[in-house]
Every structure is written in C-alpha cells, then in structure tokens.
Amino acid sequence: MSATLGGLLKDYRLQYNISQLEVALALGWKETSRLSRIEQGKIFKPTRELLERIMDAMRLKEEEKNQLLYIGNYLPTREEIVKIQKIMSPIIEKIPYPVAVFDFSWRTMINNQVLYKLFKVNISQQKYIHTLNPNIIEIVFDLRFMLNVDLKKEYKKSRRQFLHNMLVQFLFEQRSRRKEKWFLDLIKKMMPNPIFLVAWQEAIKLNFSIDSMDIPVKAVFDVENSTKITLYLFTIIFNIDHRFNAQFYMPADRATFDYFHKEKYKY
C-alpha cells in the first residue's frame, strides 16, 4: 500500500475499479486533471473539504477514510475528538492504572480518573484538557506541573532525562510533519519555557537511536504519601483510526502495583 496521500488514494480507486473520470464527474468536474495531480502528488495536500468530497465520491469505508486522513496529516476535528471521547471514556475508566488518549500530534484527548488523581489534576484543569485538548508537550514542560516543582536534587536529573527522551521521541514521530502549521506554532509557543528550551537544544542535535526504543519509564513522587511510583509507558494505536492512540502507564515494580490498589484508587 502506498505511503503518500495521492498514492493511497489511487490504490483505493483502483481497488474498487473506479476510473478517474467517474470520480471527476461525481464531483462536477469536466475533466480528470485535478484528480490526476492529487494522485501524482503534484497537489501535495488538498483541503480537507475537497478530500472528503473525493472520498465520498469513491464511497470509501470509514477505516479507509481515516487512513487517508492519517497519511495526509489532517488533524482530527472537534467532532471527531468528541466521538473518540465518548467511545473511550467508559473503556479507560475500567482500567486500574493511568491511561491517556492522544492524537498523532500528541494533543490530549481524554484521560482516566486514575491519571488525574496521580497528577493532582483538579476539575477545572480536567475540563480544560477535555475541551481544549492541549498538546502533551505543553503539559509536561509546564513550569507549574507537579513533576517540575520543588524536585529533590537526585530526582531533577532523572526528570530532565525523561523530558529529553520524550522530546527526542516527539521529534522522531513528527519528522514528516515539522513544516505543518500546528507543529511550528507549538514550538514557537514553547520557546520561552526554559525547561523546554534546554531539552530542545539537546534533542534537536540528535537522531532517534536504537537506545531511544527502550520502554519509557516514568517516575512520580507522591509527596502526600512519601512514595515513589515507577511506571512503564506503552502506546497502542487505534486500528480504526491511526490518528489516535492510547498510552498506558503500567506498574514497573511491586510498590507501584500496591500503590494503585489502595482504597483511594478503587471505585
């Protein structure tokens, strides 16, 4: 299957034995040159409205449409985000460990209450995340975020390394999207943040290496209980729409397992 928007569009058209002329006529076009330029990549990224019309004319399935939107780097709309929130919310709330749902740009779609409790996210902040979907980069590098405030000396080093690794991974995943407006706007917005700036200056010099493919480990210190929680992070991409994925925080040791099975995390 082709790895470009135009190539994948052509693959689907040929798979369903539809001619360029049939598609053009369904769209009210008198000739096929415009569709041909899209398939050849001469029109690199048509507007989402035009792509939707082409996909409807070809009568593509939902999964096929979503794959085109993913290959073309089209951010999910608010309507699509709300749909994912409604589907995923009851599912992730059944999981006894933190879970977060993102899109491919790392915007936060929804988190379960276990994650919110772990990171002391209040109702107002939850509403902000749920409705405005900030990028996870904005959240984890926020100077007010609990993991960036009043850290012990030995913890600061591991926190800095985690942020560095996270940014390296982000840059790797977005390597084909670094000219997208949302990416440029995000980096510009983050530059005044001193923690981000240091991590950026280091990460931008590096290529994603095999060492970066180790399972990410996140450490959280619960001040109230004087407990260190250590978690493995696993990401699963949604089959029906590759623009979305879920990140699971799983206990990395017995102490962390016991921590989440205390009464405070039971419902």
Protein backbone atom coordinates (compact mmCIF):
# COMPACT_ATOMS: atom_id res chain seq x y z
CA MET A 1 0.00 0.00 0.00
CA SER A 2 1.31 3.46 -0.92
CA ALA A 3 2.76 5.71 1.78
CA THR A 4 1.63 9.02 0.26
CA LEU A 5 -1.82 10.57 0.25
CA GLY A 6 -2.06 10.64 -3.54
CA GLY A 7 -0.66 7.14 -3.90
CA LEU A 8 -3.05 5.68 -1.31
CA LEU A 9 -5.99 7.48 -2.90
CA LYS A 10 -5.06 5.91 -6.24
CA ASP A 11 -4.68 2.49 -4.59
CA TYR A 12 -8.22 2.68 -3.22
CA ARG A 13 -9.61 3.88 -6.54
CA LEU A 14 -8.01 1.00 -8.45
CA GLN A 15 -9.01 -1.47 -5.75
CA TYR A 16 -12.66 -0.54 -6.29
CA ASN A 17 -12.22 -0.42 -10.07
CA ILE A 18 -13.26 3.23 -10.30
CA SER A 19 -11.93 5.38 -13.13
CA GLN A 20 -10.63 8.91 -12.67
CA LEU A 21 -13.42 10.09 -14.96
CA GLU A 22 -16.11 8.55 -12.73
CA VAL A 23 -14.74 10.41 -9.72
CA ALA A 24 -14.37 13.67 -11.64
CA LEU A 25 -17.94 13.54 -12.95
CA ALA A 26 -19.29 12.75 -9.46
CA LEU A 27 -17.57 15.93 -8.24
CA GLY A 28 -18.95 18.01 -11.10
CA TRP A 29 -15.60 18.33 -12.88
CA LYS A 30 -15.43 18.25 -16.66
CA GLU A 31 -12.02 16.55 -16.80
CA THR A 32 -9.65 14.48 -14.63
CA SER A 33 -6.52 16.64 -14.46
CA ARG A 34 -7.15 17.87 -10.93
CA LEU A 35 -7.61 14.37 -9.53
CA SER A 36 -4.58 13.19 -11.51
CA ARG A 37 -2.41 15.92 -9.97
CA ILE A 38 -3.54 14.87 -6.47
CA GLU A 39 -2.75 11.21 -7.14
CA GLN A 40 0.67 12.12 -8.54
CA GLY A 41 1.48 14.29 -5.52
CA LYS A 42 1.61 17.50 -7.55
CA ILE A 43 -1.14 18.80 -5.28
CA PHE A 44 0.59 17.70 -2.08
CA LYS A 45 -2.21 18.31 0.39
CA PRO A 46 -5.69 19.18 -0.88
CA THR A 47 -8.06 20.86 1.52
CA ARG A 48 -9.83 18.52 3.88
CA GLU A 49 -13.18 19.56 2.35
CA LEU A 50 -12.01 18.51 -1.12
CA LEU A 51 -10.56 15.24 0.18
CA GLU A 52 -13.87 14.48 1.92
CA ARG A 53 -15.74 15.02 -1.35
CA ILE A 54 -13.37 12.70 -3.22
CA MET A 55 -13.64 10.00 -0.56
CA ASP A 56 -17.44 10.24 -0.58
CA ALA A 57 -17.47 10.03 -4.38
CA MET A 58 -15.45 6.81 -4.14
CA ARG A 59 -17.72 5.51 -1.35
CA LEU A 60 -14.79 4.60 0.88
CA LYS A 61 -15.26 2.86 4.20
CA GLU A 62 -14.68 4.76 7.45
CA GLU A 63 -11.39 2.98 8.14
CA GLU A 64 -10.14 3.79 4.62
CA LYS A 65 -11.09 7.45 5.01
CA ASN A 66 -9.30 7.61 8.35
CA GLN A 67 -6.18 6.08 6.84
CA LEU A 68 -6.12 8.78 4.15
CA LEU A 69 -6.58 11.47 6.79
CA TYR A 70 -3.71 9.97 8.79
CA ILE A 71 -1.35 9.69 5.79
CA GLY A 72 -2.25 13.26 4.82
CA ASN A 73 -1.58 14.58 8.37
CA TYR A 74 -5.07 16.01 8.80
CA LEU A 75 -5.66 16.81 12.47
CA PRO A 76 -8.87 15.36 13.94
CA THR A 77 -11.76 17.81 14.04
CA ARG A 78 -13.56 18.71 17.25
CA GLU A 79 -16.44 16.46 16.17
CA GLU A 80 -14.05 13.52 15.73
CA ILE A 81 -12.44 14.21 19.10
CA VAL A 82 -15.80 14.22 20.88
CA LYS A 83 -16.65 10.91 19.20
CA ILE A 84 -13.41 9.33 20.45
CA GLN A 85 -14.00 10.75 23.93
CA LYS A 86 -17.46 9.18 24.10
CA ILE A 87 -16.16 5.80 22.92
CA MET A 88 -13.03 5.67 25.06
CA SER A 89 -14.16 7.25 28.32
CA PRO A 90 -16.12 4.24 29.68
CA ILE A 91 -13.35 1.88 28.50
CA ILE A 92 -10.37 3.58 30.11
CA GLU A 93 -12.25 4.21 33.36
CA LYS A 94 -12.37 0.43 33.89
CA ILE A 95 -8.56 0.20 33.86
CA PRO A 96 -6.98 0.44 37.36
CA TYR A 97 -3.88 2.28 36.09
CA PRO A 98 -3.40 5.66 34.40
CA VAL A 99 -4.46 5.87 30.75
CA ALA A 100 -4.28 8.82 28.35
CA VAL A 101 -5.64 9.13 24.80
CA PHE A 102 -3.80 11.33 22.26
CA ASP A 103 -3.88 12.12 18.59
CA PHE A 104 -0.80 11.81 16.35
CA SER A 105 0.22 15.41 17.08
CA TRP A 106 0.24 14.49 20.82
CA ARG A 107 -2.82 16.59 21.66
CA THR A 108 -4.52 15.20 24.76
CA MET A 109 -8.00 13.88 24.03
CA ILE A 110 -9.03 12.32 27.32
CA ASN A 111 -7.51 10.74 30.47
CA ASN A 112 -8.99 8.44 33.06
CA GLN A 113 -9.57 9.49 36.67
CA VAL A 114 -6.68 7.36 37.92
CA LEU A 115 -4.27 9.50 35.91
CA TYR A 116 -5.93 12.71 37.08
CA LYS A 117 -5.65 11.60 40.72
CA LEU A 118 -2.00 10.62 40.30
CA PHE A 119 -1.03 14.01 38.90
CA LYS A 120 -3.36 16.01 41.16
CA VAL A 121 -5.37 17.45 38.26
CA ASN A 122 -8.38 19.36 39.59
CA ILE A 123 -11.84 19.57 37.99
CA SER A 124 -11.14 22.89 36.29
CA GLN A 125 -7.94 21.55 34.74
CA GLN A 126 -9.71 18.38 33.65
CA LYS A 127 -12.34 20.45 31.87
CA TYR A 128 -9.61 22.47 30.15
CA ILE A 129 -7.91 19.29 28.89
CA HIS A 130 -11.20 17.72 27.82
CA THR A 131 -12.42 20.73 25.84
CA LEU A 132 -9.28 22.47 24.56
CA ASN A 133 -7.02 19.42 24.07
CA PRO A 134 -3.60 20.91 24.84
CA ASN A 135 -0.51 19.19 23.48
CA ILE A 136 1.14 16.84 25.99
CA ILE A 137 4.38 18.76 25.42
CA GLU A 138 2.68 21.85 26.85
CA ILE A 139 1.56 19.93 29.92
CA VAL A 140 4.72 18.02 30.86
CA PHE A 141 7.01 21.03 30.35
CA ASP A 142 4.71 23.42 32.21
CA LEU A 143 6.71 25.09 35.00
CA ARG A 144 3.69 24.65 37.31
CA PHE A 145 3.31 20.92 36.61
CA MET A 146 3.76 18.93 39.82
CA LEU A 147 6.70 16.93 38.43
CA ASN A 148 8.61 20.13 37.65
CA VAL A 149 8.14 21.84 41.01
CA ASP A 150 10.32 21.52 44.13
CA LEU A 151 12.17 18.45 42.93
CA LYS A 152 14.88 16.85 45.00
CA LYS A 153 18.37 17.03 43.53
CA GLU A 154 18.56 13.33 42.63
CA TYR A 155 15.10 13.43 41.06
CA LYS A 156 15.81 16.52 38.93
CA LYS A 157 18.39 14.60 36.91
CA SER A 158 16.05 11.70 36.10
CA ARG A 159 13.24 14.15 35.31
CA ARG A 160 15.45 16.06 32.92
CA GLN A 161 16.47 12.82 31.20
CA PHE A 162 12.84 11.74 30.87
CA LEU A 163 11.86 15.09 29.30
CA HIS A 164 14.84 14.90 26.96
CA ASN A 165 13.93 11.36 25.81
CA MET A 166 10.30 12.36 25.41
CA LEU A 167 11.20 15.31 23.19
CA VAL A 168 13.55 13.16 21.08
CA GLN A 169 10.71 10.68 20.55
CA PHE A 170 8.29 13.50 19.71
CA LEU A 171 10.68 14.94 17.10
CA PHE A 172 11.17 11.49 15.59
CA GLU A 173 7.44 10.80 15.34
CA GLN A 174 6.80 14.23 13.82
CA ARG A 175 9.73 14.12 11.37
CA SER A 176 7.38 14.27 8.37
CA ARG A 177 5.22 16.99 9.95
CA ARG A 178 7.77 19.58 11.02
CA LYS A 179 6.55 22.02 8.37
CA GLU A 180 2.92 21.71 9.46
CA LYS A 181 1.49 24.90 10.94
CA TRP A 182 0.43 23.23 14.19
CA PHE A 183 3.99 21.96 14.77
CA LEU A 184 5.63 25.33 14.09
CA ASP A 185 3.07 27.10 16.30
CA LEU A 186 3.69 24.65 19.15
CA ILE A 187 7.48 25.03 19.06
CA LYS A 188 7.21 28.82 18.87
CA LYS A 189 4.84 28.80 21.85
CA MET A 190 7.21 26.60 23.90
CA MET A 191 10.45 28.50 23.27
CA PRO A 192 10.06 30.96 26.22
CA ASN A 193 9.85 27.94 28.56
CA PRO A 194 13.39 27.45 30.00
CA ILE A 195 12.94 23.71 30.68
CA PHE A 196 11.74 23.12 27.13
CA LEU A 197 14.46 25.30 25.62
CA VAL A 198 17.25 23.28 27.25
CA ALA A 199 15.70 19.96 26.20
CA TRP A 200 15.08 21.30 22.67
CA GLN A 201 18.66 22.46 22.19
CA GLU A 202 19.90 19.00 23.15
CA ALA A 203 17.25 16.93 21.34
CA ILE A 204 17.37 18.79 18.02
CA LYS A 205 21.04 17.77 17.60
CA LEU A 206 20.29 14.06 17.93
CA ASN A 207 18.84 11.43 15.67
CA PHE A 208 16.41 8.88 17.06
CA SER A 209 18.68 5.96 18.01
CA ILE A 210 18.08 2.35 18.95
CA ASP A 211 18.62 3.37 22.58
CA SER A 212 15.52 5.56 22.35
CA MET A 213 13.43 2.48 21.57
CA ASP A 214 13.71 1.16 25.14
CA ILE A 215 10.42 1.02 27.02
CA PRO A 216 9.95 4.51 28.53
CA VAL A 217 9.97 4.62 32.31
CA LYS A 218 8.25 7.41 34.21
CA ALA A 219 8.84 8.14 37.89
CA VAL A 220 6.39 10.11 40.04
CA PHE A 221 6.91 11.15 43.65
CA ASP A 222 3.73 11.36 45.72
CA VAL A 223 4.56 13.98 48.35
CA GLU A 224 1.49 13.23 50.45
CA ASN A 225 2.47 9.58 50.91
CA SER A 226 6.25 9.96 50.50
CA THR A 227 6.01 7.28 47.83
CA LYS A 228 7.93 6.92 44.58
CA ILE A 229 5.80 5.44 41.77
CA THR A 230 7.63 3.88 38.83
CA LEU A 231 5.70 3.21 35.61
CA TYR A 232 6.29 1.67 32.21
CA LEU A 233 4.64 3.53 29.31
CA PHE A 234 3.05 1.57 26.45
CA THR A 235 1.32 3.10 23.43
CA ILE A 236 -1.33 1.39 21.32
CA ILE A 237 -2.53 2.87 18.02
CA PHE A 238 -6.25 2.62 17.27
CA ASN A 239 -6.93 0.21 14.39
CA ILE A 240 -9.99 2.06 13.08
CA ASP A 241 -8.23 5.44 13.05
CA HIS A 242 -4.43 5.65 13.24
CA ARG A 243 -4.63 9.33 14.13
CA PHE A 244 -5.47 8.31 17.71
CA ASN A 245 -3.58 6.23 20.26
CA ALA A 246 -3.84 5.29 23.91
CA GLN A 247 -0.93 5.44 26.34
CA PHE A 248 -1.00 3.04 29.27
CA TYR A 249 1.02 3.60 32.46
CA MET A 250 1.75 0.17 33.96
CA PRO A 251 3.40 -0.57 37.33
CA ALA A 252 7.13 -1.22 36.95
CA ASP A 253 7.57 -2.70 40.44
CA ARG A 254 5.63 -4.22 43.33
CA ALA A 255 5.48 -0.98 45.32
CA THR A 256 3.80 0.80 42.42
CA PHE A 257 1.35 -2.08 41.92
CA ASP A 258 0.38 -1.91 45.59
CA TYR A 259 0.05 1.89 45.40
CA PHE A 260 -2.65 1.71 42.73
CA HIS A 261 -4.57 -0.99 44.53
CA LYS A 262 -5.03 1.10 47.63
CA GLU A 263 -8.54 2.15 48.55
CA LYS A 264 -8.01 5.69 47.12
CA TYR A 265 -7.83 4.25 43.58
CA LYS A 266 -10.80 1.93 43.84
CA TYR A 267 -14.26 2.86 42.66
